[in-house]
Amino acid sequence: QVQLVESGGGLVQAGGSLRLSCAASGIAFSINDMGWYRQAPGKQRELVATISTGGKTNYADSVKGRFTISRDNAKETVYLQMSSLKPEDTAVYYCNADVISIVRTPTRAWGQGTQVTDSS
């Protein structure tokens, strides 16, 4: 079973930057696409960005040009570099990963979430 642990959230002023990290641990056959989602108060969880093992990325329109997703496959870690932050980026950010278990069962793992808050 794979566990995901996020870090790097916090308070940031509008226009500022923040870098989130998400490290995977545990036993799996493979970890495929990884990504970030977010959920603001009173809203549904939404996609922020995803990245494949080969580095192909996908972004929500609301963060294109401001956020960059990357990963280190050797460390099984995915990052989200956030720049030019806006008040509407305030949310709990969740990491996820598409995992193939050691018995070849596809599953989706989620982290516990990390809070990003506009302090303006």
C-alpha atoms as a PDB file:
ATOM      1  CA  GLN A   1       0.000   0.000   0.000  1.00  0.00           C
ATOM      2  CA  VAL A   2       1.257   3.494  -0.888  1.00  0.00           C
ATOM      3  CA  GLN A   3       1.040   6.486   1.425  1.00  0.00           C
ATOM      4  CA  LEU A   4       1.391  10.086   0.254  1.00  0.00           C
ATOM      5  CA  VAL A   5       2.615  12.846   2.548  1.00  0.00           C
ATOM      6  CA  GLU A   6       2.369  16.492   1.493  1.00  0.00           C
ATOM      7  CA  SER A   7       4.416  19.360   2.874  1.00  0.00           C
ATOM      8  CA  GLY A   8       5.122  22.989   2.113  1.00  0.00           C
ATOM      9  CA  GLY A   9       1.789  24.653   2.661  1.00  0.00           C
ATOM     10  CA  GLY A  10       1.345  27.815   4.686  1.00  0.00           C
ATOM     11  CA  LEU A  11       0.490  31.496   4.634  1.00  0.00           C
ATOM     12  CA  VAL A  12       1.542  33.544   1.649  1.00  0.00           C
ATOM     13  CA  GLN A  13       0.732  37.028   0.423  1.00  0.00           C
ATOM     14  CA  ALA A  14      -0.897  37.606  -2.922  1.00  0.00           C
ATOM     15  CA  GLY A  15       1.777  37.644  -5.587  1.00  0.00           C
ATOM     16  CA  GLY A  16       4.030  35.408  -3.557  1.00  0.00           C
ATOM     17  CA  SER A  17       5.351  31.913  -4.185  1.00  0.00           C
ATOM     18  CA  LEU A  18       5.157  28.586  -2.437  1.00  0.00           C
ATOM     19  CA  ARG A  19       6.420  25.106  -3.216  1.00  0.00           C
ATOM     20  CA  LEU A  20       4.499  22.001  -2.253  1.00  0.00           C
ATOM     21  CA  SER A  21       6.045  18.548  -2.059  1.00  0.00           C
ATOM     22  CA  CYS A  22       4.453  15.121  -1.913  1.00  0.00           C
ATOM     23  CA  ALA A  23       6.466  12.022  -1.145  1.00  0.00           C
ATOM     24  CA  ALA A  24       5.209   8.516  -1.736  1.00  0.00           C
ATOM     25  CA  SER A  25       6.188   5.611   0.474  1.00  0.00           C
ATOM     26  CA  GLY A  26       5.191   1.992   0.732  1.00  0.00           C
ATOM     27  CA  ILE A  27       5.138  -0.989  -1.580  1.00  0.00           C
ATOM     28  CA  ALA A  28       3.699  -0.969  -5.082  1.00  0.00           C
ATOM     29  CA  PHE A  29       4.333  -2.467  -8.486  1.00  0.00           C
ATOM     30  CA  SER A  30       4.408   1.005 -10.000  1.00  0.00           C
ATOM     31  CA  ILE A  31       3.373   4.605  -9.448  1.00  0.00           C
ATOM     32  CA  ASN A  32       2.070   6.150 -12.631  1.00  0.00           C
ATOM     33  CA  ASP A  33       0.443   9.581 -13.042  1.00  0.00           C
ATOM     34  CA  MET A  34       0.729  11.896 -10.054  1.00  0.00           C
ATOM     35  CA  GLY A  35      -1.067  15.145  -9.481  1.00  0.00           C
ATOM     36  CA  TRP A  36      -2.406  17.894  -7.317  1.00  0.00           C
ATOM     37  CA  TYR A  37      -5.999  18.773  -6.543  1.00  0.00           C
ATOM     38  CA  ARG A  38      -7.383  21.487  -4.313  1.00  0.00           C
ATOM     39  CA  GLN A  39     -10.549  22.171  -2.392  1.00  0.00           C
ATOM     40  CA  ALA A  40     -11.582  25.627  -1.289  1.00  0.00           C
ATOM     41  CA  PRO A  41     -14.156  26.184   1.463  1.00  0.00           C
ATOM     42  CA  GLY A  42     -17.651  25.445   0.196  1.00  0.00           C
ATOM     43  CA  LYS A  43     -16.398  24.191  -3.164  1.00  0.00           C
ATOM     44  CA  GLN A  44     -15.791  20.835  -4.768  1.00  0.00           C
ATOM     45  CA  ARG A  45     -12.313  19.383  -5.100  1.00  0.00           C
ATOM     46  CA  GLU A  46     -10.813  20.390  -8.437  1.00  0.00           C
ATOM     47  CA  LEU A  47      -7.863  19.379 -10.549  1.00  0.00           C
ATOM     48  CA  VAL A  48      -4.810  21.632 -10.383  1.00  0.00           C
ATOM     49  CA  ALA A  49      -2.173  19.738 -12.361  1.00  0.00           C
ATOM     50  CA  THR A  50      -1.046  16.238 -13.287  1.00  0.00           C
ATOM     51  CA  ILE A  51       2.202  14.744 -14.526  1.00  0.00           C
ATOM     52  CA  SER A  52       2.972  11.388 -16.090  1.00  0.00           C
ATOM     53  CA  THR A  53       6.034   9.268 -15.389  1.00  0.00           C
ATOM     54  CA  GLY A  54       7.446  10.574 -18.644  1.00  0.00           C
ATOM     55  CA  GLY A  55       6.916  14.188 -17.627  1.00  0.00           C
ATOM     56  CA  LYS A  56       3.833  15.040 -19.658  1.00  0.00           C
ATOM     57  CA  THR A  57       1.912  17.729 -17.782  1.00  0.00           C
ATOM     58  CA  ASN A  58      -1.652  18.965 -17.664  1.00  0.00           C
ATOM     59  CA  TYR A  59      -2.884  22.119 -15.913  1.00  0.00           C
ATOM     60  CA  ALA A  60      -6.175  23.686 -14.989  1.00  0.00           C
ATOM     61  CA  ASP A  61      -6.733  26.872 -16.950  1.00  0.00           C
ATOM     62  CA  SER A  62      -6.820  28.862 -13.716  1.00  0.00           C
ATOM     63  CA  VAL A  63      -3.198  28.043 -12.891  1.00  0.00           C
ATOM     64  CA  LYS A  64      -1.553  27.876 -16.314  1.00  0.00           C
ATOM     65  CA  GLY A  65       1.507  30.087 -16.473  1.00  0.00           C
ATOM     66  CA  ARG A  66       1.640  30.439 -12.674  1.00  0.00           C
ATOM     67  CA  PHE A  67       2.041  26.886 -11.353  1.00  0.00           C
ATOM     68  CA  THR A  68       4.561  24.245 -12.400  1.00  0.00           C
ATOM     69  CA  ILE A  69       4.291  20.570 -11.584  1.00  0.00           C
ATOM     70  CA  SER A  70       7.364  18.353 -11.612  1.00  0.00           C
ATOM     71  CA  ARG A  71       8.431  14.997 -10.256  1.00  0.00           C
ATOM     72  CA  ASP A  72      11.466  13.022  -9.234  1.00  0.00           C
ATOM     73  CA  ASN A  73      10.742   9.415 -10.126  1.00  0.00           C
ATOM     74  CA  ALA A  74      13.739   8.113  -8.201  1.00  0.00           C
ATOM     75  CA  LYS A  75      12.453   9.765  -5.031  1.00  0.00           C
ATOM     76  CA  GLU A  76       8.781   9.056  -5.888  1.00  0.00           C
ATOM     77  CA  THR A  77       8.070  12.689  -5.145  1.00  0.00           C
ATOM     78  CA  VAL A  78       5.934  15.233  -6.946  1.00  0.00           C
ATOM     79  CA  TYR A  79       6.251  18.997  -6.552  1.00  0.00           C
ATOM     80  CA  LEU A  80       4.020  21.972  -7.216  1.00  0.00           C
ATOM     81  CA  GLN A  81       5.769  25.314  -7.616  1.00  0.00           C
ATOM     82  CA  MET A  82       3.176  28.045  -7.192  1.00  0.00           C
ATOM     83  CA  SER A  83       3.929  31.621  -8.213  1.00  0.00           C
ATOM     84  CA  SER A  84       1.931  34.831  -8.547  1.00  0.00           C
ATOM     85  CA  LEU A  85      -0.486  33.468  -6.000  1.00  0.00           C
ATOM     86  CA  LYS A  86      -3.970  34.920  -5.875  1.00  0.00           C
ATOM     87  CA  PRO A  87      -6.489  34.981  -3.031  1.00  0.00           C
ATOM     88  CA  GLU A  88      -8.592  32.474  -4.946  1.00  0.00           C
ATOM     89  CA  ASP A  89      -5.736  29.962  -4.715  1.00  0.00           C
ATOM     90  CA  THR A  90      -6.514  29.591  -1.018  1.00  0.00           C
ATOM     91  CA  ALA A  91      -7.474  25.952  -0.499  1.00  0.00           C
ATOM     92  CA  VAL A  92      -6.416  22.626   0.900  1.00  0.00           C
ATOM     93  CA  TYR A  93      -4.104  21.042  -1.660  1.00  0.00           C
ATOM     94  CA  TYR A  94      -4.151  17.271  -2.058  1.00  0.00           C
ATOM     95  CA  CYS A  95      -1.597  15.087  -3.751  1.00  0.00           C
ATOM     96  CA  ASN A  96      -2.687  11.958  -5.556  1.00  0.00           C
ATOM     97  CA  ALA A  97      -1.113   9.086  -7.437  1.00  0.00           C
ATOM     98  CA  ASP A  98      -2.332   6.317  -9.706  1.00  0.00           C
ATOM     99  CA  VAL A  99      -0.797   3.187  -8.269  1.00  0.00           C
ATOM    100  CA  ILE A 100      -0.545  -0.382  -9.493  1.00  0.00           C
ATOM    101  CA  SER A 101      -0.330  -2.584  -6.405  1.00  0.00           C
ATOM    102  CA  ILE A 102       1.994  -5.536  -6.056  1.00  0.00           C
ATOM    103  CA  VAL A 103      -0.927  -7.796  -7.000  1.00  0.00           C
ATOM    104  CA  ARG A 104      -1.474  -5.637 -10.115  1.00  0.00           C
ATOM    105  CA  THR A 105      -4.606  -3.913  -8.843  1.00  0.00           C
ATOM    106  CA  PRO A 106      -5.003  -0.276  -9.951  1.00  0.00           C
ATOM    107  CA  THR A 107      -5.734   2.103  -7.117  1.00  0.00           C
ATOM    108  CA  ARG A 108      -5.609   5.816  -6.425  1.00  0.00           C
ATOM    109  CA  ALA A 109      -3.780   7.087  -3.380  1.00  0.00           C
ATOM    110  CA  TRP A 110      -4.453  10.451  -1.742  1.00  0.00           C
ATOM    111  CA  GLY A 111      -2.484  12.521   0.695  1.00  0.00           C
ATOM    112  CA  GLN A 112      -3.950  14.117   3.793  1.00  0.00           C
ATOM    113  CA  GLY A 113      -3.838  17.623   2.350  1.00  0.00           C
ATOM    114  CA  THR A 114      -1.860  20.762   3.078  1.00  0.00           C
ATOM    115  CA  GLN A 115      -3.388  24.199   3.586  1.00  0.00           C
ATOM    116  CA  VAL A 116      -2.411  27.161   1.441  1.00  0.00           C
ATOM    117  CA  THR A 117      -3.825  30.465   2.661  1.00  0.00           C
ATOM    118  CA  ASP A 118      -3.637  33.994   1.304  1.00  0.00           C
ATOM    119  CA  SER A 119      -2.489  36.222   4.128  1.00  0.00           C
ATOM    120  CA  SER A 120      -3.190  39.549   2.407  1.00  0.00           C
END
